[in-house]
Amino acid sequence: MNSSSKPIIDTLFIIPIFNRWDPIELLLEDLSKQSFQSYQVLIVNHGDQSTPDHMTNHQRVTIIKASSDLWFTGAMNTGIRAALQNFQSEYLVLLNDDVRIPDSLWLEKMRRNCQETSLCSSMAVDAEKRVLYQNLKFSWLRLRFLKIGSGAALSAQNNETLQYADCLPTRGLIFRPTAIDRIGYLDEVHLPHYGSDYEWTIRAKKRGFVLLMANNTHLVTETNPQSSRTSGRNRYATQKIKNFLRDLNNPHKNGSFPTTTQFARLVFPFPINILFVTYHLSRKILGFVFSNYILKPRPDQV
C-alpha cells in the first residue's frame, strides 16, 4: 500500500489477544471515554478461536487473524508490521488485553510525554488501587529489576512525576513509529513470550532513547503477575521433579532456563550475564527443594 493511500490516524493501539475476548470490551469502553479521540485499535487475534461476531461492529477496531502458533512477542510484531504497512500514525501504543484505563486523560497525557527519541509507559495498579509499579529499576547488588513503589496505596503517590526507567513493559507503551527503524522489532526468536518487552526497551536505551515512566496517570490490571512464573516455590502435587524440570525448560514460562539465559545474553555483558543466570536459576532450584522437601506443605497446598 502506498503511503499516500494509507489512512491517517494520530494514535494506533496494538493489542494481541489469545482466546480472551471478554476483557477487551471493557478496555474498548475505556478508550471510547478518552478525551483525545483520534485513535484506532488494531487487534491481533493469535488464538485458536475465531473472532466473535460482535467485535466486527466496532468502527474503531481492525482485527488481524494471525497464526495460533505465535506467542505474545510474535503477535505484537505482527501488529507493529501491519500498523506500519497499512496506516500512517503519529504514535503507536502497545497494550495488553487485561488492562483498564480509568483516567479519561490517559492518552492525552501519554502523547504529551512521548517525544521522537523517547518511549513512555505509565504506572500500573491492581483492582484494589495498590501500586504494582511506579518505576522499574535494575539493582546491580540484587541482580534483578525492582518494581519501585510496589504495594503502596495509589492515593499516597506523587502523581505529577515523570521518572527515568531502566526498562519498560508493553502494558501501555507509547512511542513514535520511526523508532522501529532504529530499534528494530521485538525478539520473537529468542524471547517468544516473556522478557521481550524489557529486552526491547533496554535495547532502545542503548541506542539513545530515553525511557520514561509517567506517574501522572495509570493503568489498572487484575492479572496475577505470578500466574505463569516458573518458581522454585511452587508446590507440585505429583511428579514434583518431573513437572518442575518441564516448566524450568519451557521457553514460554516466565523465569524458565531458556528465557533467563537468552535474556541475560541479550541484555548484559560478560560476566554479568553469567552471574544473572546463576543467581536466578539457583534461587528457583533451591526454592523448589526447600518448599517441597524441607517445608511440610499444608493439606490445602498439596
C-alpha atoms as a PDB file:
ATOM      1  CA  MET A   1       0.000   0.000   0.000  1.00  0.00           C
ATOM      2  CA  ASN A   2       1.417   3.415  -0.979  1.00  0.00           C
ATOM      3  CA  SER A   3       1.885   5.895   1.825  1.00  0.00           C
ATOM      4  CA  SER A   4      -0.425   8.350   0.085  1.00  0.00           C
ATOM      5  CA  SER A   5      -3.294   5.830   0.263  1.00  0.00           C
ATOM      6  CA  LYS A   6      -2.832   4.824   3.897  1.00  0.00           C
ATOM      7  CA  PRO A   7      -5.425   6.035   6.408  1.00  0.00           C
ATOM      8  CA  ILE A   8      -4.021   8.844   8.570  1.00  0.00           C
ATOM      9  CA  ILE A   9      -4.532   8.199  12.291  1.00  0.00           C
ATOM     10  CA  ASP A  10      -2.971  10.072  15.164  1.00  0.00           C
ATOM     11  CA  THR A  11      -2.680   7.128  17.575  1.00  0.00           C
ATOM     12  CA  LEU A  12      -2.893   3.405  16.845  1.00  0.00           C
ATOM     13  CA  PHE A  13      -3.308   0.874  19.666  1.00  0.00           C
ATOM     14  CA  ILE A  14      -1.918  -2.629  19.068  1.00  0.00           C
ATOM     15  CA  ILE A  15      -3.416  -5.369  21.263  1.00  0.00           C
ATOM     16  CA  PRO A  16      -2.616  -9.112  20.902  1.00  0.00           C
ATOM     17  CA  ILE A  17      -5.416 -11.421  22.031  1.00  0.00           C
ATOM     18  CA  PHE A  18      -5.217 -15.154  22.654  1.00  0.00           C
ATOM     19  CA  ASN A  19      -8.687 -16.612  23.325  1.00  0.00           C
ATOM     20  CA  ARG A  20      -9.552 -13.914  25.858  1.00  0.00           C
ATOM     21  CA  TRP A  21     -12.264 -11.687  24.417  1.00  0.00           C
ATOM     22  CA  ASP A  22     -14.300 -10.725  27.484  1.00  0.00           C
ATOM     23  CA  PRO A  23     -11.902  -8.127  28.967  1.00  0.00           C
ATOM     24  CA  ILE A  24     -11.395  -6.358  25.632  1.00  0.00           C
ATOM     25  CA  GLU A  25     -14.938  -4.986  25.635  1.00  0.00           C
ATOM     26  CA  LEU A  26     -14.266  -3.147  28.899  1.00  0.00           C
ATOM     27  CA  LEU A  27     -10.971  -1.825  27.555  1.00  0.00           C
ATOM     28  CA  LEU A  28     -12.638  -0.557  24.371  1.00  0.00           C
ATOM     29  CA  GLU A  29     -15.252   1.142  26.521  1.00  0.00           C
ATOM     30  CA  ASP A  30     -12.485   2.891  28.452  1.00  0.00           C
ATOM     31  CA  LEU A  31     -10.860   4.051  25.219  1.00  0.00           C
ATOM     32  CA  SER A  32     -14.182   5.429  23.998  1.00  0.00           C
ATOM     33  CA  LYS A  33     -14.189   7.749  27.018  1.00  0.00           C
ATOM     34  CA  GLN A  34     -10.733   9.191  26.355  1.00  0.00           C
ATOM     35  CA  SER A  35     -10.605  12.960  25.940  1.00  0.00           C
ATOM     36  CA  PHE A  36      -8.449  12.507  22.833  1.00  0.00           C
ATOM     37  CA  GLN A  37     -10.447  10.588  20.226  1.00  0.00           C
ATOM     38  CA  SER A  38      -8.216  10.459  17.141  1.00  0.00           C
ATOM     39  CA  TYR A  39      -7.264   6.806  17.516  1.00  0.00           C
ATOM     40  CA  GLN A  40      -7.830   3.338  16.092  1.00  0.00           C
ATOM     41  CA  VAL A  41      -7.371  -0.104  17.615  1.00  0.00           C
ATOM     42  CA  LEU A  42      -5.556  -2.934  15.841  1.00  0.00           C
ATOM     43  CA  ILE A  43      -6.300  -6.304  17.452  1.00  0.00           C
ATOM     44  CA  VAL A  44      -4.095  -9.296  16.599  1.00  0.00           C
ATOM     45  CA  ASN A  45      -6.101 -12.477  17.157  1.00  0.00           C
ATOM     46  CA  HIS A  46      -3.464 -15.207  17.532  1.00  0.00           C
ATOM     47  CA  GLY A  47      -5.664 -17.656  19.384  1.00  0.00           C
ATOM     48  CA  ASP A  48      -7.297 -20.807  18.041  1.00  0.00           C
ATOM     49  CA  GLN A  49     -10.777 -19.272  18.298  1.00  0.00           C
ATOM     50  CA  SER A  50     -12.447 -17.210  15.606  1.00  0.00           C
ATOM     51  CA  THR A  51     -13.187 -13.550  16.227  1.00  0.00           C
ATOM     52  CA  PRO A  52     -16.587 -13.056  17.913  1.00  0.00           C
ATOM     53  CA  ASP A  53     -19.162 -11.555  15.555  1.00  0.00           C
ATOM     54  CA  HIS A  54     -19.904  -8.586  17.800  1.00  0.00           C
ATOM     55  CA  MET A  55     -16.261  -7.478  17.662  1.00  0.00           C
ATOM     56  CA  THR A  56     -16.562  -6.695  13.959  1.00  0.00           C
ATOM     57  CA  ASN A  57     -19.121  -3.976  14.726  1.00  0.00           C
ATOM     58  CA  HIS A  58     -16.638  -1.605  16.338  1.00  0.00           C
ATOM     59  CA  GLN A  59     -15.883   1.231  13.938  1.00  0.00           C
ATOM     60  CA  ARG A  60     -12.531   1.983  15.524  1.00  0.00           C
ATOM     61  CA  VAL A  61     -11.317  -1.629  15.546  1.00  0.00           C
ATOM     62  CA  THR A  62      -9.387  -3.525  12.869  1.00  0.00           C
ATOM     63  CA  ILE A  63      -8.810  -7.230  13.510  1.00  0.00           C
ATOM     64  CA  ILE A  64      -5.984  -9.316  12.059  1.00  0.00           C
ATOM     65  CA  LYS A  65      -6.218 -13.113  12.275  1.00  0.00           C
ATOM     66  CA  ALA A  66      -2.714 -14.385  12.936  1.00  0.00           C
ATOM     67  CA  SER A  67      -1.360 -17.891  13.366  1.00  0.00           C
ATOM     68  CA  SER A  68      -2.155 -19.616  16.662  1.00  0.00           C
ATOM     69  CA  ASP A  69       1.463 -20.809  16.654  1.00  0.00           C
ATOM     70  CA  LEU A  70       2.543 -17.288  17.537  1.00  0.00           C
ATOM     71  CA  TRP A  71       3.207 -16.362  21.108  1.00  0.00           C
ATOM     72  CA  PHE A  72       2.946 -12.886  22.593  1.00  0.00           C
ATOM     73  CA  THR A  73       6.100 -11.421  21.038  1.00  0.00           C
ATOM     74  CA  GLY A  74       5.348 -12.669  17.542  1.00  0.00           C
ATOM     75  CA  ALA A  75       1.762 -11.435  17.775  1.00  0.00           C
ATOM     76  CA  MET A  76       2.922  -7.998  18.882  1.00  0.00           C
ATOM     77  CA  ASN A  77       5.402  -7.840  15.997  1.00  0.00           C
ATOM     78  CA  THR A  78       2.618  -8.866  13.614  1.00  0.00           C
ATOM     79  CA  GLY A  79       0.585  -5.904  14.835  1.00  0.00           C
ATOM     80  CA  ILE A  80       3.501  -3.479  14.507  1.00  0.00           C
ATOM     81  CA  ARG A  81       4.229  -4.613  10.957  1.00  0.00           C
ATOM     82  CA  ALA A  82       0.571  -4.278   9.995  1.00  0.00           C
ATOM     83  CA  ALA A  83       0.459  -0.807  11.544  1.00  0.00           C
ATOM     84  CA  LEU A  84       3.476   0.374   9.586  1.00  0.00           C
ATOM     85  CA  GLN A  85       2.293  -1.173   6.317  1.00  0.00           C
ATOM     86  CA  ASN A  86      -1.358  -0.114   6.413  1.00  0.00           C
ATOM     87  CA  PHE A  87      -1.583   3.116   8.411  1.00  0.00           C
ATOM     88  CA  GLN A  88       0.060   6.498   8.809  1.00  0.00           C
ATOM     89  CA  SER A  89       0.142   7.265  12.513  1.00  0.00           C
ATOM     90  CA  GLU A  90       1.906   9.711  14.788  1.00  0.00           C
ATOM     91  CA  TYR A  91       2.002   7.329  17.745  1.00  0.00           C
ATOM     92  CA  LEU A  92       1.880   3.589  18.384  1.00  0.00           C
ATOM     93  CA  VAL A  93       0.675   2.210  21.709  1.00  0.00           C
ATOM     94  CA  LEU A  94       1.349  -1.401  22.725  1.00  0.00           C
ATOM     95  CA  LEU A  95      -1.327  -2.664  25.105  1.00  0.00           C
ATOM     96  CA  ASN A  96      -2.102  -5.884  26.950  1.00  0.00           C
ATOM     97  CA  ASP A  97      -5.682  -7.105  26.737  1.00  0.00           C
ATOM     98  CA  ASP A  98      -6.065  -7.422  30.522  1.00  0.00           C
ATOM     99  CA  VAL A  99      -5.927  -3.750  31.489  1.00  0.00           C
ATOM    100  CA  ARG A 100      -8.414  -0.985  32.237  1.00  0.00           C
ATOM    101  CA  ILE A 101      -7.803   2.732  31.687  1.00  0.00           C
ATOM    102  CA  PRO A 102      -9.877   4.658  34.252  1.00  0.00           C
ATOM    103  CA  ASP A 103      -8.233   8.025  33.545  1.00  0.00           C
ATOM    104  CA  SER A 104     -10.036   9.718  30.632  1.00  0.00           C
ATOM    105  CA  LEU A 105      -6.931  11.883  30.135  1.00  0.00           C
ATOM    106  CA  TRP A 106      -4.557   8.885  29.889  1.00  0.00           C
ATOM    107  CA  LEU A 107      -3.955   9.074  26.144  1.00  0.00           C
ATOM    108  CA  GLU A 108      -3.670  12.855  26.158  1.00  0.00           C
ATOM    109  CA  LYS A 109      -1.051  12.734  28.917  1.00  0.00           C
ATOM    110  CA  MET A 110       0.873   9.898  27.301  1.00  0.00           C
ATOM    111  CA  ARG A 111       1.027  11.665  23.941  1.00  0.00           C
ATOM    112  CA  ARG A 112       2.354  14.761  25.663  1.00  0.00           C
ATOM    113  CA  ASN A 113       5.103  12.713  27.354  1.00  0.00           C
ATOM    114  CA  CYS A 114       6.263  10.951  24.186  1.00  0.00           C
ATOM    115  CA  GLN A 115       8.934  12.570  22.006  1.00  0.00           C
ATOM    116  CA  GLU A 116      10.833  11.399  18.911  1.00  0.00           C
ATOM    117  CA  THR A 117      13.578   9.775  20.965  1.00  0.00           C
ATOM    118  CA  SER A 118      11.628   8.571  23.980  1.00  0.00           C
ATOM    119  CA  LEU A 119       9.479   5.603  24.939  1.00  0.00           C
ATOM    120  CA  CYS A 120       6.927   6.088  27.697  1.00  0.00           C
ATOM    121  CA  SER A 121       4.825   3.810  29.873  1.00  0.00           C
ATOM    122  CA  SER A 122       2.662   4.569  32.895  1.00  0.00           C
ATOM    123  CA  MET A 123       2.245   3.459  36.474  1.00  0.00           C
ATOM    124  CA  ALA A 124       0.224   0.270  36.960  1.00  0.00           C
ATOM    125  CA  VAL A 125      -2.098  -0.541  39.868  1.00  0.00           C
ATOM    126  CA  ASP A 126      -4.270  -3.506  40.790  1.00  0.00           C
ATOM    127  CA  ALA A 127      -8.031  -3.602  41.268  1.00  0.00           C
ATOM    128  CA  GLU A 128      -7.630  -2.585  44.937  1.00  0.00           C
ATOM    129  CA  LYS A 129      -5.687   0.535  43.842  1.00  0.00           C
ATOM    130  CA  ARG A 130      -2.401  -0.786  45.169  1.00  0.00           C
ATOM    131  CA  VAL A 131       0.644   0.080  43.092  1.00  0.00           C
ATOM    132  CA  LEU A 132       2.159  -2.756  41.054  1.00  0.00           C
ATOM    133  CA  TYR A 133       4.975  -0.480  39.927  1.00  0.00           C
ATOM    134  CA  GLN A 134       5.593   3.227  39.551  1.00  0.00           C
ATOM    135  CA  ASN A 135       9.019   2.678  38.027  1.00  0.00           C
ATOM    136  CA  LEU A 136      11.334  -0.169  37.014  1.00  0.00           C
ATOM    137  CA  LYS A 137      14.973  -0.017  38.092  1.00  0.00           C
ATOM    138  CA  PHE A 138      17.776  -2.562  37.870  1.00  0.00           C
ATOM    139  CA  SER A 139      19.616  -3.341  41.100  1.00  0.00           C
ATOM    140  CA  TRP A 140      23.206  -4.402  40.452  1.00  0.00           C
ATOM    141  CA  LEU A 141      23.500  -5.529  44.061  1.00  0.00           C
ATOM    142  CA  ARG A 142      20.459  -7.827  43.842  1.00  0.00           C
ATOM    143  CA  LEU A 143      20.823  -8.648  40.117  1.00  0.00           C
ATOM    144  CA  ARG A 144      17.150  -8.065  39.439  1.00  0.00           C
ATOM    145  CA  PHE A 145      14.694  -5.467  38.172  1.00  0.00           C
ATOM    146  CA  LEU A 146      12.925  -3.791  41.070  1.00  0.00           C
ATOM    147  CA  LYS A 147       9.305  -2.688  40.844  1.00  0.00           C
ATOM    148  CA  ILE A 148       9.520   0.643  42.619  1.00  0.00           C
ATOM    149  CA  GLY A 149       6.525   1.519  44.800  1.00  0.00           C
ATOM    150  CA  SER A 150       5.053  -1.989  44.708  1.00  0.00           C
ATOM    151  CA  GLY A 151       2.319  -2.454  47.319  1.00  0.00           C
ATOM    152  CA  ALA A 152       1.870   1.226  48.136  1.00  0.00           C
ATOM    153  CA  ALA A 153      -1.542   2.858  48.032  1.00  0.00           C
ATOM    154  CA  LEU A 154      -2.271   4.822  44.873  1.00  0.00           C
ATOM    155  CA  SER A 155      -3.577   7.729  46.940  1.00  0.00           C
ATOM    156  CA  ALA A 156      -0.154   8.115  48.571  1.00  0.00           C
ATOM    157  CA  GLN A 157       1.744   8.582  45.298  1.00  0.00           C
ATOM    158  CA  ASN A 158       3.124  11.775  43.821  1.00  0.00           C
ATOM    159  CA  ASN A 159       1.056  11.797  40.666  1.00  0.00           C
ATOM    160  CA  GLU A 160       2.883  14.597  38.880  1.00  0.00           C
ATOM    161  CA  THR A 161       6.266  12.977  38.306  1.00  0.00           C
ATOM    162  CA  LEU A 162       7.906  11.696  35.140  1.00  0.00           C
ATOM    163  CA  GLN A 163      10.731   9.320  36.031  1.00  0.00           C
ATOM    164  CA  TYR A 164      13.599   7.773  34.103  1.00  0.00           C
ATOM    165  CA  ALA A 165      13.372   3.987  33.915  1.00  0.00           C
ATOM    166  CA  ASP A 166      15.817   1.178  33.141  1.00  0.00           C
ATOM    167  CA  CYS A 167      13.225  -0.797  31.185  1.00  0.00           C
ATOM    168  CA  LEU A 168       9.525  -0.601  30.339  1.00  0.00           C
ATOM    169  CA  PRO A 169       6.672  -3.097  29.894  1.00  0.00           C
ATOM    170  CA  THR A 170       4.455  -3.237  26.812  1.00  0.00           C
ATOM    171  CA  ARG A 171       1.445  -2.781  29.099  1.00  0.00           C
ATOM    172  CA  GLY A 172       0.659   0.727  27.827  1.00  0.00           C
ATOM    173  CA  LEU A 173       3.875   1.650  25.982  1.00  0.00           C
ATOM    174  CA  ILE A 174       3.732   4.646  23.610  1.00  0.00           C
ATOM    175  CA  PHE A 175       6.347   5.608  21.011  1.00  0.00           C
ATOM    176  CA  ARG A 176       6.747   7.115  17.545  1.00  0.00           C
ATOM    177  CA  PRO A 177       6.615   4.652  14.618  1.00  0.00           C
ATOM    178  CA  THR A 178      10.013   5.923  13.411  1.00  0.00           C
ATOM    179  CA  ALA A 179      11.549   4.300  16.497  1.00  0.00           C
ATOM    180  CA  ILE A 180      11.269   0.892  14.815  1.00  0.00           C
ATOM    181  CA  ASP A 181      13.860   1.957  12.237  1.00  0.00           C
ATOM    182  CA  ARG A 182      16.446   2.444  14.981  1.00  0.00           C
ATOM    183  CA  ILE A 183      15.426  -0.206  17.496  1.00  0.00           C
ATOM    184  CA  GLY A 184      14.080  -2.993  15.292  1.00  0.00           C
ATOM    185  CA  TYR A 185      11.297  -5.373  16.292  1.00  0.00           C
ATOM    186  CA  LEU A 186      10.833  -7.344  19.492  1.00  0.00           C
ATOM    187  CA  ASP A 187      12.940 -10.516  19.595  1.00  0.00           C
ATOM    188  CA  GLU A 188      10.355 -13.215  18.915  1.00  0.00           C
ATOM    189  CA  VAL A 189      13.025 -15.843  18.153  1.00  0.00           C
ATOM    190  CA  HIS A 190      14.877 -15.816  21.472  1.00  0.00           C
ATOM    191  CA  LEU A 191      12.135 -14.376  23.729  1.00  0.00           C
ATOM    192  CA  PRO A 192       8.841 -15.642  22.308  1.00  0.00           C
ATOM    193  CA  HIS A 193       6.712 -14.737  25.317  1.00  0.00           C
ATOM    194  CA  TYR A 194       8.269 -13.275  28.455  1.00  0.00           C
ATOM    195  CA  GLY A 195      11.085 -10.766  28.721  1.00  0.00           C
ATOM    196  CA  SER A 196      10.831  -9.399  25.195  1.00  0.00           C
ATOM    197  CA  ASP A 197       9.422  -6.038  26.323  1.00  0.00           C
ATOM    198  CA  TYR A 198      12.211  -5.492  28.844  1.00  0.00           C
ATOM    199  CA  GLU A 199      14.850  -6.530  26.291  1.00  0.00           C
ATOM    200  CA  TRP A 200      13.358  -4.323  23.554  1.00  0.00           C
ATOM    201  CA  THR A 201      13.216  -1.221  25.709  1.00  0.00           C
ATOM    202  CA  ILE A 202      16.707  -1.834  27.126  1.00  0.00           C
ATOM    203  CA  ARG A 203      17.909  -2.140  23.533  1.00  0.00           C
ATOM    204  CA  ALA A 204      16.199   1.174  22.791  1.00  0.00           C
ATOM    205  CA  LYS A 205      18.006   2.798  25.714  1.00  0.00           C
ATOM    206  CA  LYS A 206      21.344   1.524  24.425  1.00  0.00           C
ATOM    207  CA  ARG A 207      20.539   3.160  21.079  1.00  0.00           C
ATOM    208  CA  GLY A 208      19.913   6.568  22.556  1.00  0.00           C
ATOM    209  CA  PHE A 209      16.233   6.524  23.521  1.00  0.00           C
ATOM    210  CA  VAL A 210      15.026   7.860  26.850  1.00  0.00           C
ATOM    211  CA  LEU A 211      12.774   5.519  28.850  1.00  0.00           C
ATOM    212  CA  LEU A 212      10.118   7.352  30.852  1.00  0.00           C
ATOM    213  CA  MET A 213       7.556   6.205  33.403  1.00  0.00           C
ATOM    214  CA  ALA A 214       4.593   8.540  33.844  1.00  0.00           C
ATOM    215  CA  ASN A 215       3.127   8.724  37.335  1.00  0.00           C
ATOM    216  CA  ASN A 216       0.559  11.399  36.477  1.00  0.00           C
ATOM    217  CA  THR A 217      -1.690   8.640  35.129  1.00  0.00           C
ATOM    218  CA  HIS A 218      -2.061   4.884  35.474  1.00  0.00           C
ATOM    219  CA  LEU A 219      -3.459   1.616  34.162  1.00  0.00           C
ATOM    220  CA  VAL A 220      -5.345  -0.996  36.165  1.00  0.00           C
ATOM    221  CA  THR A 221      -4.645  -4.686  35.776  1.00  0.00           C
ATOM    222  CA  GLU A 222      -6.093  -7.668  37.626  1.00  0.00           C
ATOM    223  CA  THR A 223      -3.648 -10.195  36.237  1.00  0.00           C
ATOM    224  CA  ASN A 224      -1.719 -12.203  38.808  1.00  0.00           C
ATOM    225  CA  PRO A 225       1.936 -11.485  37.961  1.00  0.00           C
ATOM    226  CA  GLN A 226       2.966 -14.914  39.294  1.00  0.00           C
ATOM    227  CA  SER A 227       0.374 -16.932  37.366  1.00  0.00           C
ATOM    228  CA  SER A 228       2.778 -18.193  34.705  1.00  0.00           C
ATOM    229  CA  ARG A 229       6.036 -17.961  36.627  1.00  0.00           C
ATOM    230  CA  THR A 230       8.290 -20.985  36.890  1.00  0.00           C
ATOM    231  CA  SER A 231       9.108 -20.675  40.552  1.00  0.00           C
ATOM    232  CA  GLY A 232      11.035 -22.905  42.867  1.00  0.00           C
ATOM    233  CA  ARG A 233       8.431 -22.036  45.473  1.00  0.00           C
ATOM    234  CA  ASN A 234       5.613 -23.676  43.536  1.00  0.00           C
ATOM    235  CA  ARG A 235       4.471 -26.882  45.176  1.00  0.00           C
ATOM    236  CA  TYR A 236       3.711 -29.585  42.602  1.00  0.00           C
ATOM    237  CA  ALA A 237       1.170 -32.134  43.802  1.00  0.00           C
ATOM    238  CA  THR A 238       2.526 -35.161  41.918  1.00  0.00           C
ATOM    239  CA  GLN A 239       5.669 -35.968  39.975  1.00  0.00           C
ATOM    240  CA  LYS A 240       7.290 -32.929  41.527  1.00  0.00           C
ATOM    241  CA  ILE A 241      10.727 -33.124  39.982  1.00  0.00           C
ATOM    242  CA  LYS A 242       9.431 -34.088  36.539  1.00  0.00           C
ATOM    243  CA  ASN A 243       6.920 -31.222  36.413  1.00  0.00           C
ATOM    244  CA  PHE A 244       9.351 -28.690  37.834  1.00  0.00           C
ATOM    245  CA  LEU A 245      12.032 -29.592  35.287  1.00  0.00           C
ATOM    246  CA  ARG A 246       9.445 -29.485  32.497  1.00  0.00           C
ATOM    247  CA  ASP A 247       8.425 -25.947  33.456  1.00  0.00           C
ATOM    248  CA  LEU A 248      12.019 -24.899  34.051  1.00  0.00           C
ATOM    249  CA  ASN A 249      12.867 -25.806  30.447  1.00  0.00           C
ATOM    250  CA  ASN A 250       9.719 -24.352  28.854  1.00  0.00           C
ATOM    251  CA  PRO A 251      10.634 -21.218  26.803  1.00  0.00           C
ATOM    252  CA  HIS A 252       7.060 -19.951  27.200  1.00  0.00           C
ATOM    253  CA  LYS A 253       7.260 -19.874  31.006  1.00  0.00           C
ATOM    254  CA  ASN A 254       8.292 -16.772  32.875  1.00  0.00           C
ATOM    255  CA  GLY A 255      11.659 -17.317  34.552  1.00  0.00           C
ATOM    256  CA  SER A 256      12.440 -20.570  32.738  1.00  0.00           C
ATOM    257  CA  PHE A 257      16.008 -21.586  31.863  1.00  0.00           C
ATOM    258  CA  PRO A 258      15.709 -20.679  28.130  1.00  0.00           C
ATOM    259  CA  THR A 259      14.066 -17.315  28.864  1.00  0.00           C
ATOM    260  CA  THR A 260      16.513 -16.389  31.609  1.00  0.00           C
ATOM    261  CA  THR A 261      19.631 -17.363  29.659  1.00  0.00           C
ATOM    262  CA  GLN A 262      18.541 -15.713  26.414  1.00  0.00           C
ATOM    263  CA  PHE A 263      17.509 -12.544  28.210  1.00  0.00           C
ATOM    264  CA  ALA A 264      20.822 -12.355  30.057  1.00  0.00           C
ATOM    265  CA  ARG A 265      22.784 -12.995  26.854  1.00  0.00           C
ATOM    266  CA  LEU A 266      20.963 -10.218  25.001  1.00  0.00           C
ATOM    267  CA  VAL A 267      20.960  -7.632  27.782  1.00  0.00           C
ATOM    268  CA  PHE A 268      24.088  -7.980  29.928  1.00  0.00           C
ATOM    269  CA  PRO A 269      27.820  -8.089  29.153  1.00  0.00           C
ATOM    270  CA  PHE A 270      30.070 -10.909  30.344  1.00  0.00           C
ATOM    271  CA  PRO A 271      30.401 -11.822  33.212  1.00  0.00           C
ATOM    272  CA  ILE A 272      27.220 -10.086  34.465  1.00  0.00           C
ATOM    273  CA  ASN A 273      25.104 -12.352  32.233  1.00  0.00           C
ATOM    274  CA  ILE A 274      26.604 -15.459  33.866  1.00  0.00           C
ATOM    275  CA  LEU A 275      26.012 -14.065  37.343  1.00  0.00           C
ATOM    276  CA  PHE A 276      22.425 -13.121  36.438  1.00  0.00           C
ATOM    277  CA  VAL A 277      21.582 -16.624  35.189  1.00  0.00           C
ATOM    278  CA  THR A 278      23.356 -18.357  38.078  1.00  0.00           C
ATOM    279  CA  TYR A 279      21.630 -16.230  40.695  1.00  0.00           C
ATOM    280  CA  HIS A 280      18.088 -16.521  39.318  1.00  0.00           C
ATOM    281  CA  LEU A 281      18.164 -20.218  38.479  1.00  0.00           C
ATOM    282  CA  SER A 282      19.819 -21.069  41.788  1.00  0.00           C
ATOM    283  CA  ARG A 283      17.013 -19.281  43.616  1.00  0.00           C
ATOM    284  CA  LYS A 284      14.398 -21.299  41.730  1.00  0.00           C
ATOM    285  CA  ILE A 285      16.078 -24.651  42.276  1.00  0.00           C
ATOM    286  CA  LEU A 286      16.826 -24.035  45.951  1.00  0.00           C
ATOM    287  CA  GLY A 287      13.322 -22.667  46.438  1.00  0.00           C
ATOM    288  CA  PHE A 288      11.860 -25.809  44.871  1.00  0.00           C
ATOM    289  CA  VAL A 289      13.902 -28.122  47.088  1.00  0.00           C
ATOM    290  CA  PHE A 290      13.196 -26.120  50.233  1.00  0.00           C
ATOM    291  CA  SER A 291       9.442 -25.780  49.595  1.00  0.00           C
ATOM    292  CA  ASN A 292       8.780 -29.352  48.507  1.00  0.00           C
ATOM    293  CA  TYR A 293      11.220 -31.446  50.536  1.00  0.00           C
ATOM    294  CA  ILE A 294      12.125 -29.442  53.629  1.00  0.00           C
ATOM    295  CA  LEU A 295       8.968 -27.496  54.442  1.00  0.00           C
ATOM    296  CA  LYS A 296       5.866 -29.594  55.035  1.00  0.00           C
ATOM    297  CA  PRO A 297       3.076 -28.236  52.785  1.00  0.00           C
ATOM    298  CA  ARG A 298      -0.331 -27.750  54.299  1.00  0.00           C
ATOM    299  CA  PRO A 299      -3.083 -30.142  53.105  1.00  0.00           C
ATOM    300  CA  ASP A 300      -4.747 -27.403  51.075  1.00  0.00           C
ATOM    301  CA  GLN A 301      -1.477 -26.828  49.178  1.00  0.00           C
ATOM    302  CA  VAL A 302      -0.984 -30.420  48.089  1.00  0.00           C
END
